[in-house]
Amino acid sequence: RDISVCIKLYYTSLYACTKSGQWKEALHLLSEIRVRGMVPDIDAHNATISACGTAGQWTEALRLLSETGDCGLVSDVKTYNTIIKTGSASITACAKLGLWKEALQ
C-alpha cells in the first residue's frame, strides 16, 4: 500500500513537471523512482519525455525514448506523438529565428 501511494505521488509530480516545463526536475524524479526500488512504467517515461519536450529539450526527449526501450518498456502512440510534437516545435522555432542549418540537424 505504501508503495502504491508513493508511486502515485511521483507520477503526480511528473505530470506537474510536464505542465510547467520543469524538465530537469522530471528527470530527477524518474531517476529517484528507480533509486527507491520502484519500476517506472511507460506513463512515467512519457510524462518525462513530455516535460523535456515542453521545455524544448528535444535531445533529452530522444535520449529518453532510447532509454525506454533499454528498460524493456514498449513505446506507445503517446510516446511517439510527444516525440513528433517536440521535434516539430524545435524545427519551427529554429526556422522562425532563421536558423535553417540548426533546424535541419
N, C-alpha and C. Protein backbone atom coordinates (compact mmCIF):
# COMPACT_ATOMS: atom_id res chain seq x y z
N ARG A 1 0.83 -1.19 0.00
CA ARG A 1 0.00 0.00 0.00
C ARG A 1 0.87 1.26 0.00
N ASP A 2 1.88 1.31 0.80
CA ASP A 2 2.75 2.49 0.86
C ASP A 2 3.42 2.75 -0.48
N ILE A 3 3.84 1.69 -1.17
CA ILE A 3 4.48 1.85 -2.48
C ILE A 3 3.48 2.42 -3.47
N SER A 4 2.24 1.96 -3.42
CA SER A 4 1.21 2.46 -4.34
C SER A 4 0.99 3.96 -4.15
N VAL A 5 0.91 4.39 -2.91
CA VAL A 5 0.73 5.82 -2.63
C VAL A 5 1.95 6.60 -3.08
N CYS A 6 3.12 6.05 -2.81
CA CYS A 6 4.38 6.72 -3.16
C CYS A 6 4.50 6.90 -4.67
N ILE A 7 4.22 5.86 -5.43
CA ILE A 7 4.34 5.94 -6.88
C ILE A 7 3.32 6.93 -7.45
N LYS A 8 2.14 6.99 -6.87
CA LYS A 8 1.13 7.96 -7.32
C LYS A 8 1.61 9.39 -7.09
N LEU A 9 2.28 9.61 -5.97
CA LEU A 9 2.83 10.94 -5.69
C LEU A 9 3.91 11.31 -6.71
N TYR A 10 4.76 10.36 -7.04
CA TYR A 10 5.78 10.61 -8.05
C TYR A 10 5.14 10.92 -9.40
N TYR A 11 4.15 10.15 -9.78
CA TYR A 11 3.51 10.37 -11.08
C TYR A 11 2.81 11.72 -11.12
N THR A 12 2.16 12.09 -10.04
CA THR A 12 1.50 13.40 -9.97
C THR A 12 2.54 14.50 -10.13
N SER A 13 3.68 14.32 -9.49
CA SER A 13 4.76 15.30 -9.61
C SER A 13 5.31 15.35 -11.03
N LEU A 14 5.45 14.18 -11.66
CA LEU A 14 5.92 14.14 -13.06
C LEU A 14 4.96 14.90 -13.97
N TYR A 15 3.67 14.69 -13.79
CA TYR A 15 2.70 15.40 -14.64
C TYR A 15 2.73 16.91 -14.39
N ALA A 16 2.97 17.31 -13.15
CA ALA A 16 3.10 18.74 -12.85
C ALA A 16 4.33 19.31 -13.55
N CYS A 17 5.41 18.53 -13.59
CA CYS A 17 6.62 18.97 -14.30
C CYS A 17 6.34 19.14 -15.79
N THR A 18 5.54 18.26 -16.34
CA THR A 18 5.17 18.34 -17.76
C THR A 18 4.45 19.66 -18.03
N LYS A 19 3.50 19.97 -17.20
CA LYS A 19 2.70 21.19 -17.39
C LYS A 19 3.52 22.46 -17.24
N SER A 20 4.54 22.41 -16.38
CA SER A 20 5.31 23.62 -16.10
C SER A 20 6.66 23.67 -16.80
N GLY A 21 6.98 22.63 -17.58
CA GLY A 21 8.25 22.63 -18.31
C GLY A 21 9.46 22.40 -17.43
N GLN A 22 9.26 21.83 -16.27
CA GLN A 22 10.36 21.57 -15.33
C GLN A 22 11.05 20.24 -15.71
N TRP A 23 11.76 20.26 -16.82
CA TRP A 23 12.33 19.02 -17.36
C TRP A 23 13.43 18.44 -16.48
N LYS A 24 14.25 19.27 -15.88
CA LYS A 24 15.31 18.75 -15.01
C LYS A 24 14.72 18.05 -13.79
N GLU A 25 13.69 18.64 -13.23
CA GLU A 25 13.02 18.03 -12.09
C GLU A 25 12.36 16.71 -12.48
N ALA A 26 11.78 16.66 -13.67
CA ALA A 26 11.17 15.41 -14.16
C ALA A 26 12.23 14.31 -14.30
N LEU A 27 13.39 14.66 -14.85
CA LEU A 27 14.47 13.68 -14.96
C LEU A 27 14.91 13.19 -13.57
N HIS A 28 15.00 14.12 -12.65
CA HIS A 28 15.37 13.77 -11.28
C HIS A 28 14.34 12.82 -10.66
N LEU A 29 13.07 13.12 -10.84
CA LEU A 29 12.01 12.28 -10.28
C LEU A 29 12.04 10.88 -10.89
N LEU A 30 12.23 10.79 -12.20
CA LEU A 30 12.29 9.48 -12.85
C LEU A 30 13.46 8.67 -12.28
N SER A 31 14.58 9.31 -12.09
CA SER A 31 15.74 8.65 -11.51
C SER A 31 15.47 8.23 -10.06
N GLU A 32 14.83 9.09 -9.32
CA GLU A 32 14.55 8.80 -7.91
C GLU A 32 13.58 7.62 -7.77
N ILE A 33 12.65 7.49 -8.68
CA ILE A 33 11.73 6.35 -8.66
C ILE A 33 12.54 5.06 -8.69
N ARG A 34 13.53 5.03 -9.58
CA ARG A 34 14.37 3.83 -9.71
C ARG A 34 15.23 3.61 -8.45
N VAL A 35 15.81 4.70 -7.95
CA VAL A 35 16.68 4.60 -6.77
C VAL A 35 15.92 4.02 -5.58
N ARG A 36 14.66 4.35 -5.49
CA ARG A 36 13.83 3.87 -4.37
C ARG A 36 13.31 2.45 -4.60
N GLY A 37 13.76 1.82 -5.69
CA GLY A 37 13.41 0.42 -5.93
C GLY A 37 12.09 0.20 -6.64
N MET A 38 11.49 1.27 -7.13
CA MET A 38 10.25 1.13 -7.89
C MET A 38 10.60 1.09 -9.38
N VAL A 39 9.71 0.55 -10.15
CA VAL A 39 9.93 0.44 -11.59
C VAL A 39 8.98 1.39 -12.31
N PRO A 40 9.52 2.44 -12.96
CA PRO A 40 8.65 3.36 -13.69
C PRO A 40 8.08 2.68 -14.93
N ASP A 41 6.82 2.93 -15.19
CA ASP A 41 6.18 2.34 -16.37
C ASP A 41 6.25 3.31 -17.55
N ILE A 42 5.60 2.95 -18.64
CA ILE A 42 5.65 3.78 -19.86
C ILE A 42 5.02 5.15 -19.61
N ASP A 43 4.04 5.23 -18.73
CA ASP A 43 3.42 6.53 -18.43
C ASP A 43 4.41 7.48 -17.77
N ALA A 44 5.25 6.95 -16.88
CA ALA A 44 6.27 7.79 -16.24
C ALA A 44 7.28 8.27 -17.27
N HIS A 45 7.67 7.39 -18.17
CA HIS A 45 8.61 7.78 -19.22
C HIS A 45 7.96 8.81 -20.16
N ASN A 46 6.71 8.58 -20.52
CA ASN A 46 6.01 9.52 -21.40
C ASN A 46 5.90 10.90 -20.76
N ALA A 47 5.59 10.93 -19.47
CA ALA A 47 5.48 12.22 -18.77
C ALA A 47 6.82 12.95 -18.77
N THR A 48 7.90 12.20 -18.57
CA THR A 48 9.22 12.81 -18.54
C THR A 48 9.64 13.28 -19.93
N ILE A 49 9.34 12.47 -20.94
CA ILE A 49 9.60 12.88 -22.33
C ILE A 49 8.83 14.15 -22.65
N SER A 50 7.58 14.19 -22.22
CA SER A 50 6.75 15.36 -22.47
C SER A 50 7.28 16.60 -21.75
N ALA A 51 7.77 16.43 -20.52
CA ALA A 51 8.34 17.56 -19.79
C ALA A 51 9.55 18.11 -20.53
N CYS A 52 10.38 17.21 -21.04
CA CYS A 52 11.55 17.65 -21.81
C CYS A 52 11.10 18.35 -23.09
N GLY A 53 10.11 17.79 -23.74
CA GLY A 53 9.60 18.39 -24.98
C GLY A 53 8.98 19.76 -24.75
N THR A 54 8.22 19.89 -23.68
CA THR A 54 7.59 21.17 -23.36
C THR A 54 8.64 22.25 -23.15
N ALA A 55 9.79 21.86 -22.60
CA ALA A 55 10.87 22.80 -22.33
C ALA A 55 11.81 22.97 -23.52
N GLY A 56 11.50 22.30 -24.64
CA GLY A 56 12.34 22.42 -25.83
C GLY A 56 13.62 21.60 -25.77
N GLN A 57 13.67 20.65 -24.89
CA GLN A 57 14.85 19.81 -24.71
C GLN A 57 14.69 18.52 -25.53
N TRP A 58 14.67 18.66 -26.85
CA TRP A 58 14.37 17.52 -27.71
C TRP A 58 15.46 16.46 -27.68
N THR A 59 16.72 16.84 -27.44
CA THR A 59 17.78 15.83 -27.37
C THR A 59 17.58 14.94 -26.13
N GLU A 60 17.15 15.53 -25.04
CA GLU A 60 16.83 14.74 -23.84
C GLU A 60 15.62 13.84 -24.10
N ALA A 61 14.64 14.37 -24.81
CA ALA A 61 13.45 13.57 -25.13
C ALA A 61 13.83 12.35 -25.96
N LEU A 62 14.72 12.53 -26.94
CA LEU A 62 15.16 11.41 -27.76
C LEU A 62 16.01 10.42 -26.96
N ARG A 63 16.81 10.93 -26.05
CA ARG A 63 17.60 10.05 -25.19
C ARG A 63 16.67 9.18 -24.33
N LEU A 64 15.62 9.80 -23.82
CA LEU A 64 14.65 9.05 -23.01
C LEU A 64 13.90 8.02 -23.84
N LEU A 65 13.63 8.35 -25.10
CA LEU A 65 12.97 7.38 -25.98
C LEU A 65 13.84 6.14 -26.11
N SER A 66 15.13 6.34 -26.31
CA SER A 66 16.07 5.22 -26.40
C SER A 66 16.12 4.45 -25.09
N GLU A 67 16.15 5.17 -23.99
CA GLU A 67 16.20 4.55 -22.66
C GLU A 67 14.94 3.72 -22.39
N THR A 68 13.83 4.16 -22.91
CA THR A 68 12.58 3.44 -22.72
C THR A 68 12.71 2.00 -23.23
N GLY A 69 13.26 1.86 -24.43
CA GLY A 69 13.47 0.52 -24.98
C GLY A 69 14.49 -0.26 -24.19
N ASP A 70 15.53 0.42 -23.73
CA ASP A 70 16.57 -0.25 -22.93
C ASP A 70 16.02 -0.79 -21.61
N CYS A 71 14.96 -0.15 -21.11
CA CYS A 71 14.35 -0.58 -19.85
C CYS A 71 13.35 -1.72 -20.05
N GLY A 72 13.18 -2.13 -21.29
CA GLY A 72 12.24 -3.21 -21.58
C GLY A 72 10.80 -2.75 -21.73
N LEU A 73 10.60 -1.44 -21.80
CA LEU A 73 9.26 -0.90 -21.99
C LEU A 73 8.97 -0.77 -23.48
N VAL A 74 7.71 -0.86 -23.82
CA VAL A 74 7.30 -0.71 -25.21
C VAL A 74 6.69 0.68 -25.37
N SER A 75 7.28 1.47 -26.25
CA SER A 75 6.75 2.81 -26.52
C SER A 75 5.36 2.68 -27.14
N ASP A 76 4.50 3.63 -26.82
CA ASP A 76 3.14 3.60 -27.36
C ASP A 76 2.88 4.84 -28.21
N VAL A 77 1.66 4.99 -28.66
CA VAL A 77 1.30 6.11 -29.54
C VAL A 77 1.59 7.44 -28.86
N LYS A 78 1.31 7.53 -27.57
CA LYS A 78 1.56 8.77 -26.84
C LYS A 78 3.05 9.12 -26.85
N THR A 79 3.89 8.10 -26.71
CA THR A 79 5.34 8.32 -26.73
C THR A 79 5.75 8.96 -28.05
N TYR A 80 5.34 8.35 -29.15
CA TYR A 80 5.75 8.84 -30.46
C TYR A 80 5.11 10.18 -30.81
N ASN A 81 3.87 10.39 -30.39
CA ASN A 81 3.24 11.69 -30.63
C ASN A 81 4.00 12.81 -29.90
N THR A 82 4.46 12.52 -28.70
CA THR A 82 5.23 13.50 -27.93
C THR A 82 6.55 13.80 -28.62
N ILE A 83 7.22 12.77 -29.11
CA ILE A 83 8.50 12.95 -29.81
C ILE A 83 8.29 13.78 -31.08
N ILE A 84 7.25 13.47 -31.82
CA ILE A 84 6.96 14.22 -33.06
C ILE A 84 6.66 15.68 -32.74
N LYS A 85 5.84 15.90 -31.72
CA LYS A 85 5.49 17.26 -31.32
C LYS A 85 6.74 18.04 -30.88
N THR A 86 7.61 17.38 -30.13
CA THR A 86 8.83 18.01 -29.65
C THR A 86 9.74 18.40 -30.80
N GLY A 87 9.96 17.46 -31.72
CA GLY A 87 10.81 17.73 -32.88
C GLY A 87 10.25 18.82 -33.76
N SER A 88 8.96 18.78 -33.98
CA SER A 88 8.31 19.78 -34.82
C SER A 88 8.42 21.18 -34.22
N ALA A 89 8.23 21.28 -32.92
CA ALA A 89 8.33 22.58 -32.25
C ALA A 89 9.76 23.12 -32.33
N SER A 90 10.73 22.24 -32.20
CA SER A 90 12.14 22.68 -32.29
C SER A 90 12.48 23.17 -33.68
N ILE A 91 12.03 22.46 -34.68
CA ILE A 91 12.29 22.86 -36.07
C ILE A 91 11.61 24.19 -36.37
N THR A 92 10.37 24.35 -35.93
CA THR A 92 9.64 25.59 -36.15
C THR A 92 10.33 26.77 -35.47
N ALA A 93 10.79 26.57 -34.23
CA ALA A 93 11.47 27.65 -33.51
C ALA A 93 12.75 28.06 -34.23
N CYS A 94 13.52 27.10 -34.69
CA CYS A 94 14.75 27.42 -35.43
C CYS A 94 14.42 28.16 -36.72
N ALA A 95 13.41 27.70 -37.41
CA ALA A 95 13.03 28.32 -38.68
C ALA A 95 12.60 29.78 -38.48
N LYS A 96 11.83 30.03 -37.42
CA LYS A 96 11.38 31.39 -37.14
C LYS A 96 12.55 32.32 -36.83
N LEU A 97 13.61 31.77 -36.29
CA LEU A 97 14.79 32.57 -35.96
C LEU A 97 15.79 32.63 -37.11
N GLY A 98 15.44 31.99 -38.21
CA GLY A 98 16.32 32.00 -39.36
C GLY A 98 17.51 31.06 -39.22
N LEU A 99 17.38 30.10 -38.33
CA LEU A 99 18.47 29.15 -38.08
C LEU A 99 18.21 27.85 -38.85
N TRP A 100 18.25 27.96 -40.18
CA TRP A 100 17.89 26.80 -41.01
C TRP A 100 18.85 25.63 -40.85
N LYS A 101 20.15 25.90 -40.71
CA LYS A 101 21.09 24.80 -40.51
C LYS A 101 20.77 24.03 -39.23
N GLU A 102 20.47 24.76 -38.16
CA GLU A 102 20.14 24.14 -36.90
C GLU A 102 18.83 23.35 -37.00
N ALA A 103 17.88 23.88 -37.77
CA ALA A 103 16.60 23.22 -37.93
C ALA A 103 16.73 21.88 -38.62
N LEU A 104 17.73 21.76 -39.48
CA LEU A 104 17.92 20.53 -40.23
C LEU A 104 18.77 19.50 -39.49
N GLN A 105 19.39 19.89 -38.41
CA GLN A 105 20.25 18.95 -37.67
C GLN A 105 19.45 18.07 -36.74
